Amino acid sequence: MHSHQNTMIRRLLAHSYLILLPTQTTSSFIFLPRHHLLIRSTMPAAHRRSARLKGQSPSSSFSALPQKRSTSSDNNNDYSSMKVVELKDMLKKRGLPVSGIKSDLIERLTTSADCSIAAAADKPKRVKAATAKSTTSSSNKKSSSTEESYCLPRTREHQLPSFTVIGVDEAGRGPLAGPVVAAAAIVPTNIAGIIDSKKITKEEERERLYELLIASPDIRYAVAVVSAKRIDEINILQATLEGMRMAVEGVMGVRTVTNGDNVASAERMEVSYIVTGGVDDDDDVATAKATTTDNASSYYALIDGNKIPKEMSCESESMTKGDGREYSIGAASILAKVTRDRLMHQYDKMYPEYNLSQHKGYPTAAHMSAVGKFGASPIHRRTFAPLKHWEFDKNGKIIGDKKS
């Protein structure tokens, strides 16, 4: 019996650490496997409580031993022990989608955490680019830093390793006034805070992220502006799809800017146009775009919504609520939203009676009251209710209801 015990002890000593655990009443020891570097205190519960009250660490006696670093697999293990409702609550706080089974939720949380780490490493390079547009107070900056801790995952993009993925989204389908704007973007760099633009409630935060996006390495993007006139001609759905197709063609180099005018402006009178960007200052824009046109088969567009525009120049896929699920689409949503908001601020100076900077053309009570008083401006969508039910004179004044 003793011989068997001695053999067992020798085997344990060969593969373990022998650790003495002194207490107030007795001394004992444990065998700790050599590969196990995480130390858990075996002090009696009363002693641990006493140590905490004295401000001491219960396991401070063993702090010299190496500690295991946290990894993504550790995070997975932590998330696995959580309930689904807890995982969904974490996702909501990060502005991420909550659909799917538990494994989907864990993957989304892990991916977003990795994105946060990557973005934090890149952030110093892009802080200068955002400085000019940042007007937030110190309290806003504190809340913004919390909001930007995570970003959307690249789940679908990672399933398409042989393609260059283009994210596509729009802004401005619902308003009574102003254009609908579509954006397409290739964004190789992870930027913390990139989520669905509709969930970023502060305009200053959207502006900041926009500046980080357009300054990020190797980004290519295009924004299509489709006017109210074009919307009235072909309806809002077709105008949106047309804008999405134009934006993708702009990123691919299939479509170029009009007469070299590469700025979105309220003063532009075209029915629709595109603005492109993202090439480094040292590169020639025309040369950079020419290299993309010859190989359309290498691109894959992920489009927010449930419809794909006709005659797309590359392979495409629609994704319902994609702006809240996929990184590249979320990035495109911010580009589209900020571009349109800037245009509406410019239109506000042209038509101050409507207060367009406040509501961005959406049918608020104040906006509808202004339309009733001043009529419709040139940027109002006459095919949208209630405007479509009214007759206007050549100056936009309401002269009565349309005859049925």
Protein backbone atom coordinates (compact mmCIF):
# COMPACT_ATOMS: atom_id res chain seq x y z
CA MET A 1 0.00 0.00 0.00
CA HIS A 2 2.74 2.45 0.99
CA SER A 3 4.76 1.48 -2.10
CA HIS A 4 1.78 2.27 -4.33
CA GLN A 5 1.31 5.68 -2.63
CA ASN A 6 5.00 6.51 -3.05
CA THR A 7 4.81 5.66 -6.76
CA MET A 8 1.81 7.92 -7.20
CA ILE A 9 3.56 10.80 -5.39
CA ARG A 10 6.66 10.44 -7.58
CA ARG A 11 4.52 10.61 -10.70
CA LEU A 12 2.75 13.71 -9.46
CA LEU A 13 6.06 15.41 -8.61
CA ALA A 14 7.36 14.66 -12.11
CA HIS A 15 4.51 16.46 -13.78
CA SER A 16 3.36 18.95 -11.16
CA TYR A 17 4.30 21.85 -8.94
CA LEU A 18 4.21 21.18 -5.19
CA ILE A 19 2.67 24.20 -3.51
CA LEU A 20 2.51 24.73 0.26
CA LEU A 21 -0.67 26.41 1.48
CA PRO A 22 -0.12 27.75 5.04
CA THR A 23 -3.19 28.78 7.01
CA GLN A 24 -3.75 29.96 10.55
CA THR A 25 -4.66 26.51 11.78
CA THR A 26 -2.79 24.09 9.59
CA SER A 27 -0.38 23.67 6.73
CA SER A 28 -1.35 21.67 3.68
CA PHE A 29 -0.12 21.22 0.17
CA ILE A 30 -1.55 20.56 -3.29
CA PHE A 31 -0.16 19.21 -6.53
CA LEU A 32 -0.65 21.63 -9.45
CA PRO A 33 -0.15 20.33 -13.01
CA ARG A 34 2.82 22.04 -14.67
CA HIS A 35 0.75 23.12 -17.71
CA HIS A 36 -1.92 24.70 -15.49
CA LEU A 37 -0.78 28.28 -14.88
CA LEU A 38 -3.99 29.69 -13.45
CA ILE A 39 -3.84 29.59 -9.65
CA ARG A 40 -7.00 29.40 -7.61
CA SER A 41 -6.73 30.06 -3.90
CA THR A 42 -7.75 27.19 -1.60
CA MET A 43 -7.82 29.33 1.53
CA PRO A 44 -10.86 28.80 3.71
CA ALA A 45 -13.74 31.09 2.83
CA ALA A 46 -13.49 32.97 6.15
CA HIS A 47 -9.80 33.70 5.55
CA ARG A 48 -10.50 34.94 2.00
CA ARG A 49 -13.14 37.32 3.33
CA SER A 50 -10.72 38.55 5.98
CA ALA A 51 -8.01 39.15 3.41
CA ARG A 52 -10.38 41.14 1.21
CA LEU A 53 -11.42 43.31 4.16
CA LYS A 54 -7.76 44.07 4.81
CA GLY A 55 -7.27 45.04 1.17
CA GLN A 56 -5.10 42.01 0.42
CA SER A 57 -5.38 39.58 -2.46
CA PRO A 58 -6.33 36.10 -1.22
CA SER A 59 -3.90 34.56 -3.68
CA SER A 60 -1.14 37.16 -3.37
CA SER A 61 1.24 34.48 -2.05
CA PHE A 62 1.29 32.92 -5.52
CA SER A 63 1.61 36.07 -7.67
CA ALA A 64 5.12 35.09 -8.75
CA LEU A 65 3.76 32.28 -10.86
CA PRO A 66 3.05 33.11 -14.56
CA GLN A 67 -0.52 34.08 -15.40
CA LYS A 68 -2.49 32.93 -18.41
CA ARG A 69 -3.45 35.64 -20.89
CA SER A 70 -6.98 36.07 -22.08
CA THR A 71 -7.59 34.94 -25.66
CA SER A 72 -10.56 34.82 -27.98
CA SER A 73 -11.04 31.18 -27.05
CA ASP A 74 -11.27 32.26 -23.42
CA ASN A 75 -13.89 34.81 -24.44
CA ASN A 76 -15.80 32.06 -26.20
CA ASN A 77 -15.71 30.01 -23.03
CA ASP A 78 -16.95 32.99 -21.03
CA TYR A 79 -19.76 33.64 -23.49
CA SER A 80 -20.71 29.95 -23.56
CA SER A 81 -21.54 30.05 -19.88
CA MET A 82 -23.91 32.98 -20.37
CA LYS A 83 -27.62 32.76 -21.09
CA VAL A 84 -29.00 33.69 -24.50
CA VAL A 85 -30.85 36.68 -23.02
CA GLU A 86 -27.56 37.96 -21.55
CA LEU A 87 -25.77 37.59 -24.87
CA LYS A 88 -28.55 39.46 -26.66
CA ASP A 89 -28.39 42.24 -24.09
CA MET A 90 -24.65 42.65 -24.74
CA LEU A 91 -25.26 42.74 -28.49
CA LYS A 92 -27.96 45.39 -28.11
CA LYS A 93 -25.60 47.58 -26.09
CA ARG A 94 -23.03 47.31 -28.88
CA GLY A 95 -25.59 48.12 -31.56
CA LEU A 96 -25.26 44.66 -33.10
CA PRO A 97 -28.04 42.34 -34.37
CA VAL A 98 -29.52 39.85 -31.91
CA SER A 99 -30.93 37.27 -34.30
CA GLY A 100 -29.71 33.68 -34.57
CA ILE A 101 -28.91 30.78 -32.29
CA LYS A 102 -26.53 30.97 -29.34
CA SER A 103 -23.45 30.06 -31.38
CA ASP A 104 -24.24 32.90 -33.81
CA LEU A 105 -24.50 35.37 -30.94
CA ILE A 106 -21.17 34.23 -29.46
CA GLU A 107 -19.44 34.51 -32.85
CA ARG A 108 -20.84 38.03 -33.32
CA LEU A 109 -19.63 39.13 -29.89
CA THR A 110 -16.18 37.61 -30.40
CA THR A 111 -15.80 39.15 -33.87
CA SER A 112 -16.87 42.58 -32.68
CA ALA A 113 -14.38 42.40 -29.80
CA ASP A 114 -11.57 41.51 -32.21
CA CYS A 115 -12.62 44.44 -34.40
CA SER A 116 -12.35 46.75 -31.41
CA ILE A 117 -8.80 45.63 -30.70
CA ALA A 118 -7.72 46.04 -34.33
CA ALA A 119 -9.30 49.44 -34.62
CA ALA A 120 -7.69 50.67 -31.42
CA ALA A 121 -4.29 49.86 -32.89
CA ASP A 122 -5.06 51.80 -36.07
CA LYS A 123 -6.81 54.75 -34.43
CA PRO A 124 -3.80 57.08 -33.88
CA LYS A 125 -3.18 57.23 -37.64
CA ARG A 126 -6.61 58.68 -38.30
CA VAL A 127 -7.24 60.97 -35.35
CA LYS A 128 -5.83 63.99 -37.21
CA ALA A 129 -8.23 63.50 -40.12
CA ALA A 130 -11.23 63.68 -37.83
CA THR A 131 -10.09 66.68 -35.79
CA ALA A 132 -11.47 69.35 -38.10
CA LYS A 133 -14.98 67.96 -37.94
CA SER A 134 -15.07 67.09 -34.25
CA THR A 135 -17.13 69.52 -32.18
CA THR A 136 -18.16 67.27 -29.33
CA SER A 137 -17.88 68.30 -25.69
CA SER A 138 -15.86 66.30 -23.21
CA SER A 139 -19.01 64.56 -22.00
CA ASN A 140 -19.96 63.63 -25.55
CA LYS A 141 -16.46 62.31 -26.18
CA LYS A 142 -16.78 60.06 -23.15
CA SER A 143 -20.03 58.58 -24.40
CA SER A 144 -18.67 58.34 -27.94
CA SER A 145 -15.68 56.32 -26.77
CA THR A 146 -18.10 53.80 -25.32
CA GLU A 147 -20.22 53.69 -28.47
CA GLU A 148 -17.17 53.19 -30.70
CA SER A 149 -15.80 50.24 -28.74
CA TYR A 150 -17.24 47.73 -31.19
CA CYS A 151 -18.14 47.42 -34.83
CA LEU A 152 -20.13 45.12 -37.07
CA PRO A 153 -18.61 41.76 -38.04
CA ARG A 154 -17.51 40.74 -41.53
CA THR A 155 -19.37 37.44 -41.43
CA ARG A 156 -20.47 37.23 -45.07
CA GLU A 157 -17.31 38.92 -46.34
CA HIS A 158 -15.16 36.25 -44.73
CA GLN A 159 -17.20 33.62 -46.56
CA LEU A 160 -16.15 35.20 -49.86
CA PRO A 161 -12.33 35.11 -49.66
CA SER A 162 -11.82 35.11 -53.44
CA PHE A 163 -13.80 38.35 -53.95
CA THR A 164 -13.30 42.01 -53.17
CA VAL A 165 -16.49 42.76 -51.27
CA ILE A 166 -18.36 46.03 -51.83
CA GLY A 167 -20.88 47.11 -49.19
CA VAL A 168 -23.90 49.03 -50.51
CA ASP A 169 -26.58 51.05 -48.71
CA GLU A 170 -28.77 54.13 -49.10
CA ALA A 171 -30.10 57.06 -47.12
CA GLY A 172 -33.18 59.17 -47.66
CA ARG A 173 -35.90 56.94 -49.03
CA GLY A 174 -38.59 58.27 -46.69
CA PRO A 175 -38.28 62.08 -46.71
CA LEU A 176 -40.60 64.44 -48.58
CA ALA A 177 -37.70 66.58 -49.75
CA GLY A 178 -34.16 66.15 -50.98
CA PRO A 179 -32.34 63.43 -52.89
CA VAL A 180 -31.92 59.76 -52.13
CA VAL A 181 -28.23 58.95 -51.69
CA ALA A 182 -26.63 55.54 -52.23
CA ALA A 183 -23.09 54.60 -51.25
CA ALA A 184 -20.81 51.70 -52.13
CA ALA A 185 -17.57 51.05 -50.27
CA ILE A 186 -14.60 48.73 -50.05
CA VAL A 187 -13.17 49.19 -46.54
CA PRO A 188 -10.23 46.87 -45.71
CA THR A 189 -9.56 48.48 -42.32
CA ASN A 190 -11.56 47.74 -39.19
CA ILE A 191 -12.76 50.96 -37.56
CA ALA A 192 -14.33 50.83 -34.12
CA GLY A 193 -17.83 52.29 -34.05
CA ILE A 194 -18.90 51.23 -37.55
CA ILE A 195 -22.49 50.08 -37.09
CA ASP A 196 -25.82 50.87 -38.73
CA SER A 197 -25.90 54.66 -39.17
CA LYS A 198 -29.53 54.75 -37.95
CA LYS A 199 -28.31 53.58 -34.54
CA ILE A 200 -25.78 56.41 -34.27
CA THR A 201 -28.02 59.13 -32.90
CA LYS A 202 -25.50 61.97 -32.69
CA GLU A 203 -24.76 63.72 -35.97
CA GLU A 204 -21.31 64.66 -34.68
CA GLU A 205 -20.50 60.99 -34.15
CA ARG A 206 -21.56 60.08 -37.68
CA GLU A 207 -19.40 62.93 -39.00
CA ARG A 208 -16.42 61.69 -37.00
CA LEU A 209 -16.79 58.14 -38.30
CA TYR A 210 -17.23 59.44 -41.85
CA GLU A 211 -13.90 61.25 -41.60
CA LEU A 212 -12.22 58.14 -40.21
CA LEU A 213 -13.66 56.06 -43.04
CA ILE A 214 -12.54 58.26 -45.92
CA ALA A 215 -9.07 58.59 -44.35
CA SER A 216 -8.63 54.85 -43.73
CA PRO A 217 -5.96 52.96 -45.72
CA ASP A 218 -6.93 51.50 -49.11
CA ILE A 219 -10.60 52.50 -48.91
CA ARG A 220 -12.46 52.93 -52.20
CA TYR A 221 -15.94 54.40 -52.21
CA ALA A 222 -18.52 56.08 -54.39
CA VAL A 223 -21.67 58.01 -53.51
CA ALA A 224 -24.58 58.44 -55.94
CA VAL A 225 -26.96 61.38 -55.53
CA VAL A 226 -30.36 60.91 -57.17
CA SER A 227 -32.50 64.06 -57.22
CA ALA A 228 -36.15 64.55 -56.25
CA LYS A 229 -36.89 65.14 -59.93
CA ARG A 230 -35.56 61.69 -60.84
CA ILE A 231 -37.46 60.15 -57.93
CA ASP A 232 -40.70 61.63 -59.26
CA GLU A 233 -39.88 60.29 -62.73
CA ILE A 234 -39.25 56.65 -61.88
CA ASN A 235 -40.48 56.26 -58.21
CA ILE A 236 -38.40 56.02 -55.06
CA LEU A 237 -37.68 52.29 -55.25
CA GLN A 238 -36.29 52.45 -58.77
CA ALA A 239 -34.38 55.64 -57.97
CA THR A 240 -32.79 53.92 -54.97
CA LEU A 241 -31.79 50.85 -56.99
CA GLU A 242 -30.45 53.07 -59.76
CA GLY A 243 -28.35 54.97 -57.23
CA MET A 244 -26.98 51.72 -55.79
CA ARG A 245 -25.97 50.50 -59.23
CA MET A 246 -24.31 53.85 -60.01
CA ALA A 247 -22.36 53.77 -56.74
CA VAL A 248 -21.07 50.23 -57.36
CA GLU A 249 -20.04 51.20 -60.88
CA GLY A 250 -18.23 54.20 -59.40
CA VAL A 251 -16.21 52.02 -57.03
CA MET A 252 -15.35 49.59 -59.83
CA GLY A 253 -14.36 52.40 -62.20
CA VAL A 254 -17.07 51.51 -64.72
CA ARG A 255 -18.72 54.91 -64.18
CA THR A 256 -16.77 58.13 -63.75
CA VAL A 257 -17.59 61.54 -62.30
CA THR A 258 -19.32 64.14 -64.48
CA ASN A 259 -16.96 66.70 -66.08
CA GLY A 260 -14.42 66.16 -63.33
CA ASP A 261 -16.81 67.54 -60.71
CA ASN A 262 -16.18 65.27 -57.74
CA VAL A 263 -18.06 67.09 -54.98
CA ALA A 264 -21.61 66.52 -53.71
CA SER A 265 -23.26 69.92 -53.67
CA ALA A 266 -26.76 71.39 -53.44
CA GLU A 267 -25.78 73.69 -56.32
CA ARG A 268 -25.39 70.81 -58.76
CA MET A 269 -28.36 70.63 -61.11
CA GLU A 270 -27.88 67.14 -62.58
CA VAL A 271 -30.74 64.68 -62.29
CA SER A 272 -28.22 62.25 -60.77
CA TYR A 273 -24.44 62.03 -60.38
CA ILE A 274 -21.68 60.22 -58.48
CA VAL A 275 -18.80 61.27 -56.26
CA THR A 276 -15.84 58.93 -55.77
CA GLY A 277 -12.90 58.83 -53.40
CA GLY A 278 -10.47 56.84 -51.35
CA VAL A 279 -7.35 56.79 -53.50
CA ASP A 280 -4.23 57.92 -51.65
CA ASP A 281 -2.98 61.41 -52.42
CA ASP A 282 0.18 60.06 -54.04
CA ASP A 283 -1.75 57.88 -56.50
CA ASP A 284 -3.25 58.86 -59.80
CA VAL A 285 -7.05 58.43 -59.61
CA ALA A 286 -7.52 57.50 -63.26
CA THR A 287 -4.78 54.86 -63.12
CA ALA A 288 -6.12 53.39 -59.89
CA LYS A 289 -9.63 53.07 -61.34
CA ALA A 290 -8.41 51.64 -64.63
CA THR A 291 -6.90 48.68 -62.83
CA THR A 292 -10.29 47.73 -61.41
CA THR A 293 -12.37 47.93 -64.59
CA ASP A 294 -10.77 44.96 -66.35
CA ASN A 295 -11.63 42.41 -63.69
CA ALA A 296 -15.30 42.81 -62.76
CA SER A 297 -15.50 39.12 -61.84
CA SER A 298 -13.36 39.75 -58.76
CA TYR A 299 -16.01 41.97 -57.12
CA TYR A 300 -19.01 40.96 -55.05
CA ALA A 301 -21.61 43.47 -53.87
CA LEU A 302 -23.47 43.02 -50.57
CA ILE A 303 -26.60 45.18 -50.86
CA ASP A 304 -28.79 46.25 -47.97
CA GLY A 305 -32.45 45.31 -48.41
CA ASN A 306 -34.26 42.55 -50.28
CA LYS A 307 -33.76 43.66 -53.90
CA ILE A 308 -30.83 43.71 -56.31
CA PRO A 309 -30.61 46.44 -58.98
CA LYS A 310 -30.87 45.25 -62.57
CA GLU A 311 -27.81 45.09 -64.80
CA MET A 312 -25.29 45.09 -61.98
CA SER A 313 -21.67 45.15 -63.12
CA CYS A 314 -20.60 42.44 -60.69
CA GLU A 315 -22.00 39.48 -58.80
CA SER A 316 -24.38 40.73 -56.11
CA GLU A 317 -26.43 39.61 -53.15
CA SER A 318 -29.15 41.35 -51.16
CA MET A 319 -29.13 41.18 -47.37
CA THR A 320 -32.17 42.15 -45.31
CA LYS A 321 -31.15 44.54 -42.53
CA GLY A 322 -27.61 44.21 -43.80
CA ASP A 323 -26.64 47.64 -42.45
CA GLY A 324 -26.95 46.13 -38.97
CA ARG A 325 -25.29 42.81 -39.81
CA GLU A 326 -22.31 43.34 -42.11
CA TYR A 327 -19.36 45.69 -41.65
CA SER A 328 -19.02 46.90 -45.24
CA ILE A 329 -22.74 47.68 -45.51
CA GLY A 330 -22.67 49.55 -42.20
CA ALA A 331 -19.73 51.60 -43.50
CA ALA A 332 -21.67 52.41 -46.68
CA SER A 333 -24.69 53.46 -44.61
CA ILE A 334 -22.56 56.05 -42.77
CA LEU A 335 -21.12 57.41 -46.04
CA ALA A 336 -24.59 57.74 -47.53
CA LYS A 337 -26.18 59.26 -44.43
CA VAL A 338 -23.49 61.88 -43.82
CA THR A 339 -23.38 62.87 -47.49
CA ARG A 340 -27.13 63.39 -47.55
CA ASP A 341 -27.19 65.27 -44.24
CA ARG A 342 -24.52 67.65 -45.52
CA LEU A 343 -26.58 68.27 -48.65
CA MET A 344 -29.67 69.01 -46.56
CA HIS A 345 -27.71 71.57 -44.54
CA GLN A 346 -26.80 73.25 -47.83
CA TYR A 347 -30.40 73.13 -49.02
CA ASP A 348 -31.46 74.70 -45.73
CA LYS A 349 -29.51 77.82 -46.67
CA MET A 350 -31.26 77.89 -50.04
CA TYR A 351 -34.74 77.29 -48.61
CA PRO A 352 -34.57 78.45 -44.96
CA GLU A 353 -38.35 78.57 -44.55
CA TYR A 354 -38.52 74.77 -44.30
CA ASN A 355 -35.82 74.34 -41.60
CA LEU A 356 -34.34 71.40 -43.51
CA SER A 357 -31.27 71.19 -41.25
CA GLN A 358 -33.51 70.14 -38.39
CA HIS A 359 -35.57 67.34 -39.95
CA LYS A 360 -33.55 66.57 -43.12
CA GLY A 361 -36.72 66.60 -45.23
CA TYR A 362 -38.69 64.05 -43.24
CA PRO A 363 -42.45 64.74 -42.81
CA THR A 364 -42.42 66.18 -39.30
CA ALA A 365 -45.31 68.35 -38.11
CA ALA A 366 -43.16 71.47 -38.46
CA HIS A 367 -42.16 70.50 -41.99
CA MET A 368 -45.75 69.82 -43.06
CA SER A 369 -46.83 73.13 -41.57
CA ALA A 370 -44.15 74.92 -43.61
CA VAL A 371 -45.24 73.17 -46.81
CA GLY A 372 -48.84 74.22 -46.14
CA LYS A 373 -47.72 77.80 -45.68
CA PHE A 374 -45.01 78.18 -48.34
CA GLY A 375 -45.85 75.41 -50.81
CA ALA A 376 -43.29 73.00 -52.29
CA SER A 377 -39.69 73.85 -53.13
CA PRO A 378 -37.85 72.49 -56.20
CA ILE A 379 -36.40 69.70 -54.05
CA HIS A 380 -39.76 68.44 -52.74
CA ARG A 381 -40.98 65.09 -54.07
CA ARG A 382 -44.32 65.79 -55.71
CA THR A 383 -45.20 62.09 -55.96
CA PHE A 384 -45.10 61.61 -52.19
CA ALA A 385 -48.24 61.93 -50.07
CA PRO A 386 -49.71 64.35 -49.20
CA LEU A 387 -48.03 66.44 -51.94
CA LYS A 388 -49.27 64.12 -54.68
CA HIS A 389 -52.85 65.03 -53.77
CA TRP A 390 -52.32 68.78 -54.26
CA GLU A 391 -52.12 71.09 -57.24
CA PHE A 392 -49.24 73.60 -57.34
CA ASP A 393 -48.64 76.73 -59.38
CA LYS A 394 -45.34 77.39 -61.16
CA ASN A 395 -43.85 78.83 -57.96
CA GLY A 396 -44.79 75.79 -55.86
CA LYS A 397 -47.75 77.38 -54.08
CA ILE A 398 -50.67 75.05 -53.28
CA ILE A 399 -53.72 76.05 -55.34
CA GLY A 400 -55.99 73.20 -54.33
CA ASP A 401 -56.56 69.47 -54.34
CA LYS A 402 -55.97 67.42 -57.46
CA LYS A 403 -59.06 66.49 -59.36
CA SER A 404 -59.67 62.78 -59.29
